[in-house]
Amino acid sequence: MESTMRLINRIARLAQLYREKELAKYGLGGMHHTYILNICRNPGITQDQLAKLIFVNKSNVTRQLASLEKAGFVTRQVSAQDARKIEVYPTAKAESTLPAIQHILKEWNQELMAGWSEARQQNFIAELEQLLTRAQTMTYGEEEKT
């Protein structure tokens, strides 16, 4: 039997290739959707909070945000409460691109599970959520699960 992680990684890589192709129309890379979605949901999120939320190291977050800021999707500013923290805000460009990003992600999911019943899809998602919870516990312990 093939490794669970190998299959998940292969699907994730194909999803990234698909997103790269589709998001290029908007001047975005394959991983930029994660940043824009989370920043639009949480305006003012700090770079550190974002790194924890999307399971990426802080230096990668800094690089990706610099790219998104240069392209006009986000702004960063020093926190008024703590000068050591950088808060990130979506721009109007990010907000206007958000529906297209959501459509691309929805389309991928629909095509990937085409022919599956709603119950099978919900069960599959529930099983993946259990795997995610276990993976978080194995990686961070109980105290840092999101």
C-alpha atoms as a PDB file:
ATOM      1  CA  MET A   1       0.000   0.000   0.000  1.00  0.00           C
ATOM      2  CA  GLU A   2       1.285   3.454  -0.915  1.00  0.00           C
ATOM      3  CA  SER A   3       2.183   5.835   1.887  1.00  0.00           C
ATOM      4  CA  THR A   4      -0.584   8.196   3.001  1.00  0.00           C
ATOM      5  CA  MET A   5       1.858  11.099   3.062  1.00  0.00           C
ATOM      6  CA  ARG A   6       3.135  10.361  -0.413  1.00  0.00           C
ATOM      7  CA  LEU A   7      -0.390  10.437  -1.827  1.00  0.00           C
ATOM      8  CA  ILE A   8      -1.328  13.595   0.081  1.00  0.00           C
ATOM      9  CA  ASN A   9       1.894  15.299  -1.034  1.00  0.00           C
ATOM     10  CA  ARG A  10       1.314  14.362  -4.666  1.00  0.00           C
ATOM     11  CA  ILE A  11      -2.254  15.703  -4.586  1.00  0.00           C
ATOM     12  CA  ALA A  12      -1.024  18.877  -2.861  1.00  0.00           C
ATOM     13  CA  ARG A  13       1.657  19.383  -5.503  1.00  0.00           C
ATOM     14  CA  LEU A  14      -0.870  18.952  -8.320  1.00  0.00           C
ATOM     15  CA  ALA A  15      -3.185  21.408  -6.573  1.00  0.00           C
ATOM     16  CA  GLN A  16      -0.338  23.904  -6.371  1.00  0.00           C
ATOM     17  CA  LEU A  17       0.415  23.514 -10.090  1.00  0.00           C
ATOM     18  CA  TYR A  18      -3.266  24.079 -10.866  1.00  0.00           C
ATOM     19  CA  ARG A  19      -3.397  27.183  -8.653  1.00  0.00           C
ATOM     20  CA  GLU A  20      -0.192  28.564 -10.162  1.00  0.00           C
ATOM     21  CA  LYS A  21      -1.724  28.318 -13.628  1.00  0.00           C
ATOM     22  CA  GLU A  22      -5.070  29.816 -12.613  1.00  0.00           C
ATOM     23  CA  LEU A  23      -3.766  32.518 -10.268  1.00  0.00           C
ATOM     24  CA  ALA A  24      -1.128  33.758 -12.718  1.00  0.00           C
ATOM     25  CA  LYS A  25      -3.933  35.663 -14.470  1.00  0.00           C
ATOM     26  CA  TYR A  26      -4.146  37.840 -11.356  1.00  0.00           C
ATOM     27  CA  GLY A  27      -0.398  38.248 -10.824  1.00  0.00           C
ATOM     28  CA  LEU A  28      -0.352  35.712  -7.997  1.00  0.00           C
ATOM     29  CA  GLY A  29       1.714  32.615  -7.308  1.00  0.00           C
ATOM     30  CA  GLY A  30       0.448  29.198  -6.283  1.00  0.00           C
ATOM     31  CA  MET A  31       0.698  29.836  -2.537  1.00  0.00           C
ATOM     32  CA  HIS A  32      -0.422  33.459  -2.473  1.00  0.00           C
ATOM     33  CA  HIS A  33      -4.067  32.438  -2.134  1.00  0.00           C
ATOM     34  CA  THR A  34      -3.428  31.193   1.410  1.00  0.00           C
ATOM     35  CA  TYR A  35      -2.042  34.559   2.447  1.00  0.00           C
ATOM     36  CA  ILE A  36      -4.782  36.611   0.813  1.00  0.00           C
ATOM     37  CA  LEU A  37      -7.593  34.422   2.178  1.00  0.00           C
ATOM     38  CA  ASN A  38      -6.286  34.608   5.733  1.00  0.00           C
ATOM     39  CA  ILE A  39      -5.411  38.298   5.636  1.00  0.00           C
ATOM     40  CA  CYS A  40      -8.852  39.184   4.250  1.00  0.00           C
ATOM     41  CA  ARG A  41     -10.468  37.071   7.000  1.00  0.00           C
ATOM     42  CA  ASN A  42      -8.218  38.604   9.684  1.00  0.00           C
ATOM     43  CA  PRO A  43      -7.277  42.198   8.781  1.00  0.00           C
ATOM     44  CA  GLY A  44      -4.465  43.352  11.052  1.00  0.00           C
ATOM     45  CA  ILE A  45      -3.158  39.835  11.667  1.00  0.00           C
ATOM     46  CA  THR A  46       0.493  39.897  12.671  1.00  0.00           C
ATOM     47  CA  GLN A  47       3.143  38.205  10.590  1.00  0.00           C
ATOM     48  CA  ASP A  48       3.817  35.801  13.478  1.00  0.00           C
ATOM     49  CA  GLN A  49       0.143  34.896  13.816  1.00  0.00           C
ATOM     50  CA  LEU A  50      -0.086  34.327  10.070  1.00  0.00           C
ATOM     51  CA  ALA A  51       2.964  32.044  10.127  1.00  0.00           C
ATOM     52  CA  LYS A  52       1.362  29.872  12.822  1.00  0.00           C
ATOM     53  CA  LEU A  53      -2.023  29.869  11.114  1.00  0.00           C
ATOM     54  CA  ILE A  54      -0.722  28.600   7.778  1.00  0.00           C
ATOM     55  CA  PHE A  55       2.126  26.417   9.105  1.00  0.00           C
ATOM     56  CA  VAL A  56       4.926  28.338   7.388  1.00  0.00           C
ATOM     57  CA  ASN A  57       8.132  29.641   8.925  1.00  0.00           C
ATOM     58  CA  LYS A  58       8.436  33.361   9.628  1.00  0.00           C
ATOM     59  CA  SER A  59      11.077  34.029   6.973  1.00  0.00           C
ATOM     60  CA  ASN A  60       8.830  32.565   4.258  1.00  0.00           C
ATOM     61  CA  VAL A  61       5.934  34.702   5.456  1.00  0.00           C
ATOM     62  CA  THR A  62       8.128  37.796   5.332  1.00  0.00           C
ATOM     63  CA  ARG A  63       9.247  37.013   1.763  1.00  0.00           C
ATOM     64  CA  GLN A  64       5.756  36.232   0.494  1.00  0.00           C
ATOM     65  CA  LEU A  65       4.279  39.332   2.127  1.00  0.00           C
ATOM     66  CA  ALA A  66       7.001  41.493   0.573  1.00  0.00           C
ATOM     67  CA  SER A  67       6.013  40.095  -2.815  1.00  0.00           C
ATOM     68  CA  LEU A  68       2.303  40.653  -2.176  1.00  0.00           C
ATOM     69  CA  GLU A  69       2.967  44.167  -0.884  1.00  0.00           C
ATOM     70  CA  LYS A  70       5.033  45.040  -3.957  1.00  0.00           C
ATOM     71  CA  ALA A  71       2.186  43.766  -6.166  1.00  0.00           C
ATOM     72  CA  GLY A  72      -0.330  45.889  -4.257  1.00  0.00           C
ATOM     73  CA  PHE A  73      -2.290  43.118  -2.499  1.00  0.00           C
ATOM     74  CA  VAL A  74      -1.369  43.887   1.116  1.00  0.00           C
ATOM     75  CA  THR A  75       0.041  46.614   3.315  1.00  0.00           C
ATOM     76  CA  ARG A  76       2.161  46.100   6.393  1.00  0.00           C
ATOM     77  CA  GLN A  77       2.507  48.429   9.336  1.00  0.00           C
ATOM     78  CA  VAL A  78       4.051  48.425  12.762  1.00  0.00           C
ATOM     79  CA  SER A  79       1.521  47.583  15.470  1.00  0.00           C
ATOM     80  CA  ALA A  80       0.363  50.541  17.561  1.00  0.00           C
ATOM     81  CA  GLN A  81       0.248  48.234  20.606  1.00  0.00           C
ATOM     82  CA  ASP A  82       3.650  46.586  20.155  1.00  0.00           C
ATOM     83  CA  ALA A  83       6.334  48.099  17.932  1.00  0.00           C
ATOM     84  CA  ARG A  84       7.977  44.667  17.586  1.00  0.00           C
ATOM     85  CA  LYS A  85       4.978  43.320  15.673  1.00  0.00           C
ATOM     86  CA  ILE A  86       4.041  43.900  12.042  1.00  0.00           C
ATOM     87  CA  GLU A  87       0.344  43.894  11.176  1.00  0.00           C
ATOM     88  CA  VAL A  88      -0.874  42.967   7.711  1.00  0.00           C
ATOM     89  CA  TYR A  89      -3.929  44.396   5.981  1.00  0.00           C
ATOM     90  CA  PRO A  90      -5.580  43.544   2.654  1.00  0.00           C
ATOM     91  CA  THR A  91      -5.808  46.262   0.032  1.00  0.00           C
ATOM     92  CA  ALA A  92      -8.766  46.916  -2.228  1.00  0.00           C
ATOM     93  CA  LYS A  93      -6.911  44.872  -4.848  1.00  0.00           C
ATOM     94  CA  ALA A  94      -6.826  41.851  -2.522  1.00  0.00           C
ATOM     95  CA  GLU A  95     -10.486  42.269  -1.618  1.00  0.00           C
ATOM     96  CA  SER A  96     -11.495  42.508  -5.270  1.00  0.00           C
ATOM     97  CA  THR A  97      -9.415  39.431  -6.181  1.00  0.00           C
ATOM     98  CA  LEU A  98     -10.814  37.365  -3.303  1.00  0.00           C
ATOM     99  CA  PRO A  99     -13.936  36.110  -5.171  1.00  0.00           C
ATOM    100  CA  ALA A 100     -11.762  34.865  -8.060  1.00  0.00           C
ATOM    101  CA  ILE A 101      -9.475  33.041  -5.634  1.00  0.00           C
ATOM    102  CA  GLN A 102     -12.446  31.444  -3.897  1.00  0.00           C
ATOM    103  CA  HIS A 103     -13.862  30.392  -7.266  1.00  0.00           C
ATOM    104  CA  ILE A 104     -10.580  28.765  -8.321  1.00  0.00           C
ATOM    105  CA  LEU A 105     -10.368  26.817  -5.053  1.00  0.00           C
ATOM    106  CA  LYS A 106     -14.022  25.768  -5.222  1.00  0.00           C
ATOM    107  CA  GLU A 107     -13.622  24.650  -8.825  1.00  0.00           C
ATOM    108  CA  TRP A 108     -10.598  22.496  -7.912  1.00  0.00           C
ATOM    109  CA  ASN A 109     -12.503  20.826  -5.073  1.00  0.00           C
ATOM    110  CA  GLN A 110     -15.594  20.220  -7.193  1.00  0.00           C
ATOM    111  CA  GLU A 111     -13.622  18.676 -10.041  1.00  0.00           C
ATOM    112  CA  LEU A 112     -11.478  16.611  -7.706  1.00  0.00           C
ATOM    113  CA  MET A 113     -14.514  15.040  -6.059  1.00  0.00           C
ATOM    114  CA  ALA A 114     -16.786  14.950  -9.084  1.00  0.00           C
ATOM    115  CA  GLY A 115     -19.060  11.939  -8.929  1.00  0.00           C
ATOM    116  CA  TRP A 116     -18.836  11.627  -5.153  1.00  0.00           C
ATOM    117  CA  SER A 117     -22.029  11.916  -3.140  1.00  0.00           C
ATOM    118  CA  GLU A 118     -22.365  14.803  -0.709  1.00  0.00           C
ATOM    119  CA  ALA A 119     -22.168  12.327   2.185  1.00  0.00           C
ATOM    120  CA  ARG A 120     -18.952  10.794   0.843  1.00  0.00           C
ATOM    121  CA  GLN A 121     -17.424  14.246   0.407  1.00  0.00           C
ATOM    122  CA  GLN A 122     -18.360  15.287   3.946  1.00  0.00           C
ATOM    123  CA  ASN A 123     -17.011  12.035   5.365  1.00  0.00           C
ATOM    124  CA  PHE A 124     -13.750  12.435   3.454  1.00  0.00           C
ATOM    125  CA  ILE A 125     -13.310  16.004   4.744  1.00  0.00           C
ATOM    126  CA  ALA A 126     -14.031  14.850   8.301  1.00  0.00           C
ATOM    127  CA  GLU A 127     -11.394  12.124   7.980  1.00  0.00           C
ATOM    128  CA  LEU A 128      -8.836  14.606   6.646  1.00  0.00           C
ATOM    129  CA  GLU A 129      -9.611  16.971   9.536  1.00  0.00           C
ATOM    130  CA  GLN A 130      -8.860  14.119  11.953  1.00  0.00           C
ATOM    131  CA  LEU A 131      -5.529  13.527  10.204  1.00  0.00           C
ATOM    132  CA  LEU A 132      -4.751  17.236  10.437  1.00  0.00           C
ATOM    133  CA  THR A 133      -5.496  17.273  14.156  1.00  0.00           C
ATOM    134  CA  ARG A 134      -3.244  14.255  14.708  1.00  0.00           C
ATOM    135  CA  ALA A 135      -0.478  15.804  12.617  1.00  0.00           C
ATOM    136  CA  GLN A 136      -0.683  19.043  14.607  1.00  0.00           C
ATOM    137  CA  THR A 137      -0.506  17.131  17.887  1.00  0.00           C
ATOM    138  CA  MET A 138       2.469  15.107  16.665  1.00  0.00           C
ATOM    139  CA  THR A 139       4.238  18.278  15.521  1.00  0.00           C
ATOM    140  CA  TYR A 140       3.329  20.839  18.160  1.00  0.00           C
ATOM    141  CA  GLY A 141       1.776  18.909  21.037  1.00  0.00           C
ATOM    142  CA  GLU A 142      -1.648  19.569  22.484  1.00  0.00           C
ATOM    143  CA  GLU A 143      -1.076  23.208  23.459  1.00  0.00           C
ATOM    144  CA  GLU A 144      -0.501  24.677  20.001  1.00  0.00           C
ATOM    145  CA  LYS A 145      -3.282  23.154  17.876  1.00  0.00           C
ATOM    146  CA  THR A 146      -5.259  25.741  15.907  1.00  0.00           C
END
